[in-house]
Amino acid sequence: MAQKTTPTEPEPIDPAQGGDEGQEPDYKALYENALKESRKWESRSKANLKELDELKAATPKTDTTVEERLSALESENAALKASAARSALVDSVAKATGLDRSIVATLNGEDEDALTEQAKAVAAITKPAGGAPRAPEAGGKPKPGKPSKKDILGIEDKKERMAAIAANIDLFK
């Protein structure tokens, strides 16, 4: 980048160093010489900047630093641990309250006490207390009990009566 310079022109004599004491220095020549030197270094500086920009463009960009990747992995690990703890909590509350796990998972309690309280409230709504009678299935026929001998003999259709006797042969022995 930086190039070594070799003086090509003789250095001007500083009047303070004791050159020609009677002569006044040529300030215009000193100015032009300094200006020329300044332009030379300015052009070298611009060339070095251009070379630096080319090198920066040529180097591949790094995705993330090690610290960034480590912090991302740590946060993912913490999220997985929290999810596993929540899953275990939901399982234990579902087992304790008798509710389905999917119902308990939708509740928003953060700790076991709050989640259990919410689950008990849902269980109280979904499972009524007392022995409420069950309604028969819609469209289904109620299953009759075992017919008696008198019921079977009272069947008018001969084929049906014979089939009922065959099904309940133990009544006719």
N, C-alpha and C. Protein backbone atom coordinates (compact mmCIF):
# COMPACT_ATOMS: atom_id res chain seq x y z
N MET A 1 0.82 -1.18 0.00
CA MET A 1 0.00 0.00 0.00
C MET A 1 0.87 1.25 0.00
N ALA A 2 1.53 1.48 1.14
CA ALA A 2 2.37 2.67 1.22
C ALA A 2 3.66 2.39 0.46
N GLN A 3 4.06 3.36 -0.31
CA GLN A 3 5.26 3.19 -1.10
C GLN A 3 6.38 4.02 -0.49
N LYS A 4 7.60 3.51 -0.66
CA LYS A 4 8.75 4.25 -0.15
C LYS A 4 9.08 5.38 -1.12
N THR A 5 9.44 6.46 -0.58
CA THR A 5 9.78 7.60 -1.43
C THR A 5 11.27 7.84 -1.37
N THR A 6 11.75 8.18 -2.49
CA THR A 6 13.16 8.58 -2.56
C THR A 6 13.18 10.02 -3.06
N PRO A 7 13.87 10.83 -2.38
CA PRO A 7 13.87 12.23 -2.81
C PRO A 7 14.54 12.36 -4.17
N THR A 8 13.82 12.94 -5.08
CA THR A 8 14.37 13.15 -6.42
C THR A 8 14.91 14.56 -6.59
N GLU A 9 14.37 15.42 -5.79
CA GLU A 9 14.83 16.80 -5.87
C GLU A 9 15.55 17.15 -4.57
N PRO A 10 16.52 17.99 -4.64
CA PRO A 10 17.20 18.39 -3.42
C PRO A 10 16.26 19.19 -2.53
N GLU A 11 16.41 18.95 -1.25
CA GLU A 11 15.58 19.65 -0.27
C GLU A 11 15.91 21.14 -0.32
N PRO A 12 14.86 21.96 -0.21
CA PRO A 12 15.16 23.40 -0.18
C PRO A 12 15.85 23.77 1.13
N ILE A 13 16.59 24.77 1.08
CA ILE A 13 17.36 25.20 2.23
C ILE A 13 16.48 26.10 3.08
N ASP A 14 16.44 25.76 4.34
CA ASP A 14 15.66 26.56 5.29
C ASP A 14 16.51 27.75 5.70
N PRO A 15 15.96 28.94 5.60
CA PRO A 15 16.76 30.10 5.95
C PRO A 15 17.15 30.12 7.42
N ALA A 16 16.39 29.43 8.27
CA ALA A 16 16.71 29.45 9.69
C ALA A 16 17.92 28.59 9.98
N GLN A 17 18.29 27.66 9.06
CA GLN A 17 19.42 26.77 9.30
C GLN A 17 20.75 27.37 8.88
N GLY A 18 20.71 28.45 8.38
CA GLY A 18 21.97 29.14 8.08
C GLY A 18 22.46 28.91 6.68
N GLY A 19 21.64 29.01 5.73
CA GLY A 19 22.06 28.90 4.34
C GLY A 19 22.68 30.22 3.93
N ASP A 20 22.27 30.71 2.81
CA ASP A 20 22.74 32.02 2.36
C ASP A 20 22.03 33.06 3.20
N GLU A 21 22.79 33.69 4.04
CA GLU A 21 22.16 34.59 4.98
C GLU A 21 21.79 35.91 4.35
N GLY A 22 22.36 36.24 3.35
CA GLY A 22 22.07 37.53 2.74
C GLY A 22 20.90 37.44 1.80
N GLN A 23 20.62 36.30 1.32
CA GLN A 23 19.54 36.15 0.35
C GLN A 23 18.24 35.83 1.05
N GLU A 24 17.17 36.33 0.50
CA GLU A 24 15.85 36.00 1.01
C GLU A 24 15.37 34.73 0.30
N PRO A 25 14.76 33.78 1.05
CA PRO A 25 14.33 32.54 0.41
C PRO A 25 13.25 32.81 -0.63
N ASP A 26 13.20 31.91 -1.61
CA ASP A 26 12.20 32.01 -2.67
C ASP A 26 10.92 31.34 -2.17
N TYR A 27 10.03 32.15 -1.64
CA TYR A 27 8.81 31.61 -1.04
C TYR A 27 7.88 30.98 -2.08
N LYS A 28 7.87 31.53 -3.26
CA LYS A 28 7.02 30.96 -4.31
C LYS A 28 7.49 29.56 -4.67
N ALA A 29 8.77 29.36 -4.78
CA ALA A 29 9.32 28.05 -5.11
C ALA A 29 9.06 27.07 -3.97
N LEU A 30 9.23 27.55 -2.73
CA LEU A 30 8.94 26.68 -1.58
C LEU A 30 7.46 26.26 -1.58
N TYR A 31 6.57 27.21 -1.87
CA TYR A 31 5.13 26.91 -1.91
C TYR A 31 4.82 25.90 -3.00
N GLU A 32 5.36 26.11 -4.19
CA GLU A 32 5.09 25.19 -5.31
C GLU A 32 5.65 23.80 -5.02
N ASN A 33 6.83 23.78 -4.40
CA ASN A 33 7.43 22.50 -4.04
C ASN A 33 6.56 21.77 -3.01
N ALA A 34 6.05 22.47 -2.00
CA ALA A 34 5.18 21.87 -0.99
C ALA A 34 3.87 21.42 -1.61
N LEU A 35 3.34 22.23 -2.54
CA LEU A 35 2.10 21.87 -3.23
C LEU A 35 2.28 20.61 -4.06
N LYS A 36 3.40 20.54 -4.76
CA LYS A 36 3.70 19.37 -5.58
C LYS A 36 3.80 18.12 -4.70
N GLU A 37 4.48 18.24 -3.57
CA GLU A 37 4.62 17.11 -2.63
C GLU A 37 3.23 16.72 -2.08
N SER A 38 2.42 17.69 -1.78
CA SER A 38 1.08 17.44 -1.26
C SER A 38 0.23 16.69 -2.28
N ARG A 39 0.30 17.07 -3.53
CA ARG A 39 -0.46 16.40 -4.60
C ARG A 39 0.00 14.95 -4.76
N LYS A 40 1.32 14.75 -4.66
CA LYS A 40 1.88 13.41 -4.78
C LYS A 40 1.28 12.49 -3.70
N TRP A 41 1.28 12.97 -2.47
CA TRP A 41 0.75 12.15 -1.37
C TRP A 41 -0.77 12.01 -1.44
N GLU A 42 -1.42 13.00 -1.94
CA GLU A 42 -2.88 12.90 -2.12
C GLU A 42 -3.22 11.83 -3.14
N SER A 43 -2.51 11.76 -4.24
CA SER A 43 -2.78 10.73 -5.26
C SER A 43 -2.46 9.33 -4.71
N ARG A 44 -1.38 9.21 -3.95
CA ARG A 44 -1.06 7.91 -3.34
C ARG A 44 -2.15 7.50 -2.34
N SER A 45 -2.65 8.46 -1.57
CA SER A 45 -3.70 8.18 -0.60
C SER A 45 -4.96 7.70 -1.29
N LYS A 46 -5.32 8.34 -2.38
CA LYS A 46 -6.51 7.92 -3.13
C LYS A 46 -6.33 6.53 -3.72
N ALA A 47 -5.13 6.23 -4.20
CA ALA A 47 -4.86 4.90 -4.75
C ALA A 47 -4.96 3.85 -3.65
N ASN A 48 -4.42 4.15 -2.48
CA ASN A 48 -4.50 3.22 -1.35
C ASN A 48 -5.95 3.00 -0.92
N LEU A 49 -6.75 4.05 -0.90
CA LEU A 49 -8.17 3.93 -0.54
C LEU A 49 -8.90 3.06 -1.55
N LYS A 50 -8.61 3.25 -2.81
CA LYS A 50 -9.25 2.43 -3.85
C LYS A 50 -8.87 0.97 -3.68
N GLU A 51 -7.61 0.70 -3.41
CA GLU A 51 -7.14 -0.67 -3.20
C GLU A 51 -7.79 -1.29 -1.96
N LEU A 52 -7.94 -0.51 -0.90
CA LEU A 52 -8.59 -0.99 0.32
C LEU A 52 -10.06 -1.34 0.05
N ASP A 53 -10.76 -0.49 -0.69
CA ASP A 53 -12.16 -0.77 -1.01
C ASP A 53 -12.29 -2.05 -1.84
N GLU A 54 -11.37 -2.27 -2.77
CA GLU A 54 -11.39 -3.50 -3.58
C GLU A 54 -11.16 -4.73 -2.70
N LEU A 55 -10.23 -4.63 -1.76
CA LEU A 55 -9.97 -5.76 -0.86
C LEU A 55 -11.16 -6.05 0.04
N LYS A 56 -11.80 -4.99 0.54
CA LYS A 56 -12.98 -5.19 1.38
C LYS A 56 -14.10 -5.85 0.60
N ALA A 57 -14.26 -5.47 -0.65
CA ALA A 57 -15.32 -6.06 -1.47
C ALA A 57 -15.01 -7.52 -1.79
N ALA A 58 -13.74 -7.85 -1.89
CA ALA A 58 -13.35 -9.21 -2.25
C ALA A 58 -13.47 -10.18 -1.09
N THR A 59 -13.35 -9.70 0.14
CA THR A 59 -13.43 -10.61 1.29
C THR A 59 -14.88 -11.00 1.52
N PRO A 60 -15.12 -12.29 1.81
CA PRO A 60 -16.50 -12.73 2.05
C PRO A 60 -17.04 -12.17 3.36
N LYS A 61 -18.31 -11.88 3.35
CA LYS A 61 -18.96 -11.35 4.55
C LYS A 61 -19.22 -12.52 5.51
N THR A 62 -18.95 -12.30 6.76
CA THR A 62 -19.24 -13.33 7.75
C THR A 62 -20.70 -13.21 8.15
N ASP A 63 -21.37 -14.35 8.32
CA ASP A 63 -22.79 -14.34 8.65
C ASP A 63 -23.02 -13.73 10.03
N THR A 64 -22.53 -14.41 11.01
CA THR A 64 -22.69 -13.90 12.37
C THR A 64 -21.43 -14.23 13.14
N THR A 65 -21.24 -13.52 14.18
CA THR A 65 -20.08 -13.81 15.01
C THR A 65 -20.42 -14.98 15.93
N VAL A 66 -19.43 -15.50 16.55
CA VAL A 66 -19.60 -16.64 17.45
C VAL A 66 -20.50 -16.25 18.62
N GLU A 67 -20.33 -15.05 19.12
CA GLU A 67 -21.15 -14.61 20.26
C GLU A 67 -22.62 -14.53 19.88
N GLU A 68 -22.91 -14.02 18.68
CA GLU A 68 -24.30 -13.93 18.23
C GLU A 68 -24.93 -15.31 18.07
N ARG A 69 -24.18 -16.22 17.48
CA ARG A 69 -24.68 -17.59 17.32
C ARG A 69 -24.90 -18.25 18.66
N LEU A 70 -23.98 -18.03 19.60
CA LEU A 70 -24.10 -18.62 20.93
C LEU A 70 -25.33 -18.08 21.65
N SER A 71 -25.56 -16.78 21.57
CA SER A 71 -26.73 -16.21 22.24
C SER A 71 -28.02 -16.71 21.60
N ALA A 72 -28.04 -16.90 20.29
CA ALA A 72 -29.23 -17.44 19.61
C ALA A 72 -29.50 -18.87 20.06
N LEU A 73 -28.45 -19.67 20.18
CA LEU A 73 -28.61 -21.05 20.63
C LEU A 73 -29.06 -21.11 22.08
N GLU A 74 -28.52 -20.21 22.91
CA GLU A 74 -28.94 -20.19 24.32
C GLU A 74 -30.41 -19.82 24.45
N SER A 75 -30.87 -18.86 23.66
CA SER A 75 -32.29 -18.48 23.74
C SER A 75 -33.18 -19.60 23.22
N GLU A 76 -32.75 -20.29 22.19
CA GLU A 76 -33.53 -21.43 21.68
C GLU A 76 -33.59 -22.55 22.72
N ASN A 77 -32.47 -22.79 23.40
CA ASN A 77 -32.42 -23.81 24.44
C ASN A 77 -33.36 -23.45 25.59
N ALA A 78 -33.37 -22.18 25.98
CA ALA A 78 -34.26 -21.74 27.06
C ALA A 78 -35.72 -21.91 26.66
N ALA A 79 -36.04 -21.61 25.40
CA ALA A 79 -37.42 -21.77 24.93
C ALA A 79 -37.84 -23.23 24.94
N LEU A 80 -36.94 -24.11 24.54
CA LEU A 80 -37.25 -25.55 24.55
C LEU A 80 -37.44 -26.07 25.98
N LYS A 81 -36.61 -25.60 26.91
CA LYS A 81 -36.77 -26.02 28.31
C LYS A 81 -38.09 -25.52 28.88
N ALA A 82 -38.47 -24.29 28.55
CA ALA A 82 -39.75 -23.74 29.02
C ALA A 82 -40.91 -24.53 28.44
N SER A 83 -40.81 -24.91 27.19
CA SER A 83 -41.87 -25.69 26.55
C SER A 83 -42.00 -27.07 27.19
N ALA A 84 -40.88 -27.70 27.50
CA ALA A 84 -40.91 -29.02 28.14
C ALA A 84 -41.49 -28.91 29.55
N ALA A 85 -41.14 -27.86 30.28
CA ALA A 85 -41.68 -27.67 31.63
C ALA A 85 -43.18 -27.43 31.57
N ARG A 86 -43.64 -26.65 30.60
CA ARG A 86 -45.07 -26.38 30.45
C ARG A 86 -45.81 -27.67 30.10
N SER A 87 -45.23 -28.49 29.23
CA SER A 87 -45.84 -29.75 28.85
C SER A 87 -45.98 -30.69 30.05
N ALA A 88 -44.94 -30.77 30.88
CA ALA A 88 -44.99 -31.61 32.08
C ALA A 88 -46.04 -31.09 33.06
N LEU A 89 -46.14 -29.77 33.19
CA LEU A 89 -47.14 -29.16 34.07
C LEU A 89 -48.55 -29.47 33.57
N VAL A 90 -48.77 -29.36 32.28
CA VAL A 90 -50.09 -29.65 31.69
C VAL A 90 -50.46 -31.11 31.92
N ASP A 91 -49.48 -32.00 31.73
CA ASP A 91 -49.75 -33.43 31.95
C ASP A 91 -50.15 -33.71 33.39
N SER A 92 -49.43 -33.13 34.34
CA SER A 92 -49.73 -33.40 35.75
C SER A 92 -51.08 -32.83 36.16
N VAL A 93 -51.44 -31.64 35.67
CA VAL A 93 -52.73 -31.04 36.00
C VAL A 93 -53.86 -31.83 35.34
N ALA A 94 -53.65 -32.28 34.11
CA ALA A 94 -54.68 -33.07 33.43
C ALA A 94 -54.93 -34.37 34.18
N LYS A 95 -53.87 -34.99 34.66
CA LYS A 95 -54.02 -36.23 35.40
C LYS A 95 -54.74 -35.99 36.73
N ALA A 96 -54.40 -34.89 37.39
CA ALA A 96 -54.98 -34.60 38.70
C ALA A 96 -56.45 -34.20 38.62
N THR A 97 -56.85 -33.50 37.57
CA THR A 97 -58.22 -33.01 37.47
C THR A 97 -59.13 -33.92 36.66
N GLY A 98 -58.56 -34.82 35.90
CA GLY A 98 -59.36 -35.73 35.09
C GLY A 98 -59.80 -35.13 33.76
N LEU A 99 -59.32 -33.95 33.44
CA LEU A 99 -59.64 -33.34 32.15
C LEU A 99 -58.70 -33.87 31.07
N ASP A 100 -59.15 -33.74 29.84
CA ASP A 100 -58.31 -34.13 28.72
C ASP A 100 -57.12 -33.17 28.63
N ARG A 101 -55.96 -33.68 28.22
CA ARG A 101 -54.74 -32.89 28.15
C ARG A 101 -54.90 -31.72 27.19
N SER A 102 -55.61 -31.91 26.08
CA SER A 102 -55.77 -30.83 25.11
C SER A 102 -56.56 -29.67 25.68
N ILE A 103 -57.49 -29.95 26.57
CA ILE A 103 -58.26 -28.88 27.21
C ILE A 103 -57.36 -28.12 28.18
N VAL A 104 -56.59 -28.84 28.97
CA VAL A 104 -55.71 -28.18 29.96
C VAL A 104 -54.64 -27.37 29.24
N ALA A 105 -54.17 -27.83 28.08
CA ALA A 105 -53.13 -27.11 27.34
C ALA A 105 -53.61 -25.75 26.85
N THR A 106 -54.91 -25.58 26.66
CA THR A 106 -55.42 -24.29 26.19
C THR A 106 -55.55 -23.27 27.30
N LEU A 107 -55.49 -23.69 28.54
CA LEU A 107 -55.61 -22.77 29.67
C LEU A 107 -54.36 -21.92 29.79
N ASN A 108 -54.48 -20.74 30.41
CA ASN A 108 -53.35 -19.81 30.41
C ASN A 108 -52.68 -19.65 31.77
N GLY A 109 -52.90 -20.54 32.71
CA GLY A 109 -52.23 -20.46 34.01
C GLY A 109 -50.73 -20.63 33.87
N GLU A 110 -49.97 -19.83 34.60
CA GLU A 110 -48.52 -19.88 34.50
C GLU A 110 -47.89 -20.90 35.44
N ASP A 111 -48.45 -21.03 36.65
CA ASP A 111 -47.90 -21.99 37.60
C ASP A 111 -48.93 -23.08 37.86
N GLU A 112 -48.53 -24.08 38.64
CA GLU A 112 -49.39 -25.25 38.86
C GLU A 112 -50.69 -24.88 39.58
N ASP A 113 -50.61 -24.00 40.56
CA ASP A 113 -51.82 -23.63 41.31
C ASP A 113 -52.85 -22.94 40.42
N ALA A 114 -52.41 -21.98 39.62
CA ALA A 114 -53.34 -21.26 38.75
C ALA A 114 -53.92 -22.19 37.69
N LEU A 115 -53.10 -23.04 37.13
CA LEU A 115 -53.56 -23.97 36.10
C LEU A 115 -54.54 -24.99 36.69
N THR A 116 -54.27 -25.48 37.89
CA THR A 116 -55.18 -26.43 38.55
C THR A 116 -56.51 -25.76 38.85
N GLU A 117 -56.48 -24.53 39.32
CA GLU A 117 -57.71 -23.81 39.63
C GLU A 117 -58.57 -23.63 38.37
N GLN A 118 -57.93 -23.25 37.27
CA GLN A 118 -58.66 -23.09 36.01
C GLN A 118 -59.21 -24.42 35.52
N ALA A 119 -58.42 -25.48 35.64
CA ALA A 119 -58.85 -26.80 35.18
C ALA A 119 -60.04 -27.29 36.00
N LYS A 120 -60.02 -27.04 37.30
CA LYS A 120 -61.15 -27.45 38.15
C LYS A 120 -62.41 -26.68 37.77
N ALA A 121 -62.28 -25.41 37.43
CA ALA A 121 -63.44 -24.62 37.02
C ALA A 121 -64.02 -25.17 35.71
N VAL A 122 -63.17 -25.54 34.78
CA VAL A 122 -63.64 -26.11 33.52
C VAL A 122 -64.28 -27.46 33.78
N ALA A 123 -63.69 -28.27 34.65
CA ALA A 123 -64.24 -29.60 34.96
C ALA A 123 -65.61 -29.47 35.61
N ALA A 124 -65.80 -28.47 36.44
CA ALA A 124 -67.10 -28.27 37.09
C ALA A 124 -68.18 -27.94 36.07
N ILE A 125 -67.81 -27.24 35.02
CA ILE A 125 -68.78 -26.88 33.99
C ILE A 125 -69.08 -28.07 33.08
N THR A 126 -68.06 -28.82 32.72
CA THR A 126 -68.25 -29.90 31.76
C THR A 126 -68.79 -31.18 32.38
N LYS A 127 -68.57 -31.39 33.66
CA LYS A 127 -69.06 -32.61 34.33
C LYS A 127 -70.04 -32.20 35.41
N PRO A 128 -71.34 -32.25 35.11
CA PRO A 128 -72.32 -31.81 36.12
C PRO A 128 -72.35 -32.75 37.31
N ALA A 129 -72.56 -32.16 38.47
CA ALA A 129 -72.64 -32.95 39.70
C ALA A 129 -74.00 -33.64 39.75
N GLY A 130 -74.08 -34.76 40.41
CA GLY A 130 -75.35 -35.48 40.53
C GLY A 130 -75.47 -36.52 39.44
N GLY A 131 -76.46 -37.32 39.57
CA GLY A 131 -76.65 -38.40 38.61
C GLY A 131 -77.70 -38.06 37.58
N ALA A 132 -77.43 -37.14 36.72
CA ALA A 132 -78.38 -36.78 35.68
C ALA A 132 -78.59 -37.98 34.77
N PRO A 133 -79.85 -38.27 34.41
CA PRO A 133 -80.09 -39.43 33.55
C PRO A 133 -79.51 -39.20 32.16
N ARG A 134 -79.04 -40.29 31.60
CA ARG A 134 -78.49 -40.22 30.26
C ARG A 134 -79.61 -40.38 29.25
N ALA A 135 -79.59 -39.60 28.24
CA ALA A 135 -80.59 -39.71 27.17
C ALA A 135 -80.14 -40.80 26.22
N PRO A 136 -81.07 -41.57 25.69
CA PRO A 136 -80.67 -42.62 24.74
C PRO A 136 -80.14 -41.98 23.45
N GLU A 137 -79.36 -42.75 22.76
CA GLU A 137 -78.81 -42.29 21.50
C GLU A 137 -79.94 -41.95 20.54
N ALA A 138 -79.78 -40.88 19.83
CA ALA A 138 -80.81 -40.48 18.88
C ALA A 138 -80.89 -41.49 17.74
N GLY A 139 -82.10 -41.91 17.42
CA GLY A 139 -82.30 -42.83 16.31
C GLY A 139 -82.08 -44.28 16.66
N GLY A 140 -81.63 -44.59 17.84
CA GLY A 140 -81.38 -45.99 18.22
C GLY A 140 -82.59 -46.57 18.91
N LYS A 141 -82.78 -47.87 18.77
CA LYS A 141 -83.88 -48.54 19.44
C LYS A 141 -83.41 -48.98 20.81
N PRO A 142 -84.27 -48.83 21.81
CA PRO A 142 -83.87 -49.35 23.11
C PRO A 142 -83.82 -50.87 23.05
N LYS A 143 -82.79 -51.43 23.68
CA LYS A 143 -82.64 -52.88 23.64
C LYS A 143 -83.60 -53.49 24.66
N PRO A 144 -84.45 -54.38 24.19
CA PRO A 144 -85.39 -55.01 25.14
C PRO A 144 -84.69 -56.04 25.98
N GLY A 145 -85.28 -56.33 27.13
CA GLY A 145 -84.75 -57.38 27.98
C GLY A 145 -85.06 -58.74 27.38
N LYS A 146 -84.75 -59.78 28.08
CA LYS A 146 -85.00 -61.14 27.58
C LYS A 146 -86.51 -61.40 27.59
N PRO A 147 -87.05 -61.82 26.45
CA PRO A 147 -88.50 -62.07 26.41
C PRO A 147 -88.88 -63.32 27.23
N SER A 148 -90.10 -63.31 27.69
CA SER A 148 -90.59 -64.48 28.44
C SER A 148 -91.21 -65.49 27.47
N LYS A 149 -91.52 -66.68 28.00
CA LYS A 149 -92.13 -67.73 27.18
C LYS A 149 -93.48 -67.27 26.66
N LYS A 150 -94.24 -66.58 27.49
CA LYS A 150 -95.57 -66.08 27.13
C LYS A 150 -95.47 -65.07 25.98
N ASP A 151 -94.42 -64.16 26.07
CA ASP A 151 -94.23 -63.16 25.00
C ASP A 151 -93.92 -63.85 23.67
N ILE A 152 -93.09 -64.87 23.70
CA ILE A 152 -92.70 -65.57 22.47
C ILE A 152 -93.92 -66.29 21.87
N LEU A 153 -94.71 -66.95 22.70
CA LEU A 153 -95.88 -67.66 22.19
C LEU A 153 -96.96 -66.68 21.70
N GLY A 154 -96.89 -65.41 22.14
CA GLY A 154 -97.88 -64.43 21.71
C GLY A 154 -97.55 -63.81 20.36
N ILE A 155 -96.42 -64.14 19.77
CA ILE A 155 -96.06 -63.60 18.46
C ILE A 155 -96.96 -64.26 17.42
N GLU A 156 -97.65 -63.46 16.58
CA GLU A 156 -98.63 -63.98 15.62
C GLU A 156 -97.96 -64.56 14.38
N ASP A 157 -96.92 -63.94 13.89
CA ASP A 157 -96.26 -64.45 12.68
C ASP A 157 -95.50 -65.72 13.02
N LYS A 158 -95.80 -66.80 12.26
CA LYS A 158 -95.25 -68.12 12.55
C LYS A 158 -93.73 -68.14 12.40
N LYS A 159 -93.19 -67.48 11.37
CA LYS A 159 -91.74 -67.49 11.13
C LYS A 159 -91.02 -66.74 12.25
N GLU A 160 -91.57 -65.60 12.67
CA GLU A 160 -90.94 -64.83 13.75
C GLU A 160 -90.98 -65.61 15.05
N ARG A 161 -92.12 -66.26 15.31
CA ARG A 161 -92.27 -67.03 16.55
C ARG A 161 -91.25 -68.15 16.58
N MET A 162 -91.07 -68.87 15.48
CA MET A 162 -90.11 -69.97 15.41
C MET A 162 -88.68 -69.47 15.61
N ALA A 163 -88.36 -68.28 15.06
CA ALA A 163 -87.03 -67.71 15.21
C ALA A 163 -86.79 -67.31 16.67
N ALA A 164 -87.82 -66.77 17.33
CA ALA A 164 -87.70 -66.38 18.74
C ALA A 164 -87.55 -67.60 19.63
N ILE A 165 -88.29 -68.71 19.31
CA ILE A 165 -88.15 -69.95 20.09
C ILE A 165 -86.74 -70.49 19.93
N ALA A 166 -86.19 -70.46 18.70
CA ALA A 166 -84.85 -70.96 18.46
C ALA A 166 -83.80 -70.13 19.19
N ALA A 167 -84.03 -68.80 19.28
CA ALA A 167 -83.09 -67.93 19.97
C ALA A 167 -83.14 -68.11 21.47
N ASN A 168 -84.30 -68.48 21.98
CA ASN A 168 -84.47 -68.63 23.43
C ASN A 168 -84.89 -70.05 23.75
N ILE A 169 -84.23 -71.04 23.24
CA ILE A 169 -84.57 -72.46 23.39
C ILE A 169 -84.55 -72.89 24.84
N ASP A 170 -83.75 -72.23 25.68
CA ASP A 170 -83.64 -72.63 27.08
C ASP A 170 -84.96 -72.42 27.83
N LEU A 171 -85.85 -71.51 27.31
CA LEU A 171 -87.13 -71.32 27.96
C LEU A 171 -88.10 -72.47 27.66
N PHE A 172 -87.86 -73.22 26.61
CA PHE A 172 -88.79 -74.26 26.18
C PHE A 172 -88.29 -75.66 26.50
N LYS A 173 -87.45 -75.91 27.37
CA LYS A 173 -86.96 -77.25 27.71
C LYS A 173 -87.73 -77.84 28.82
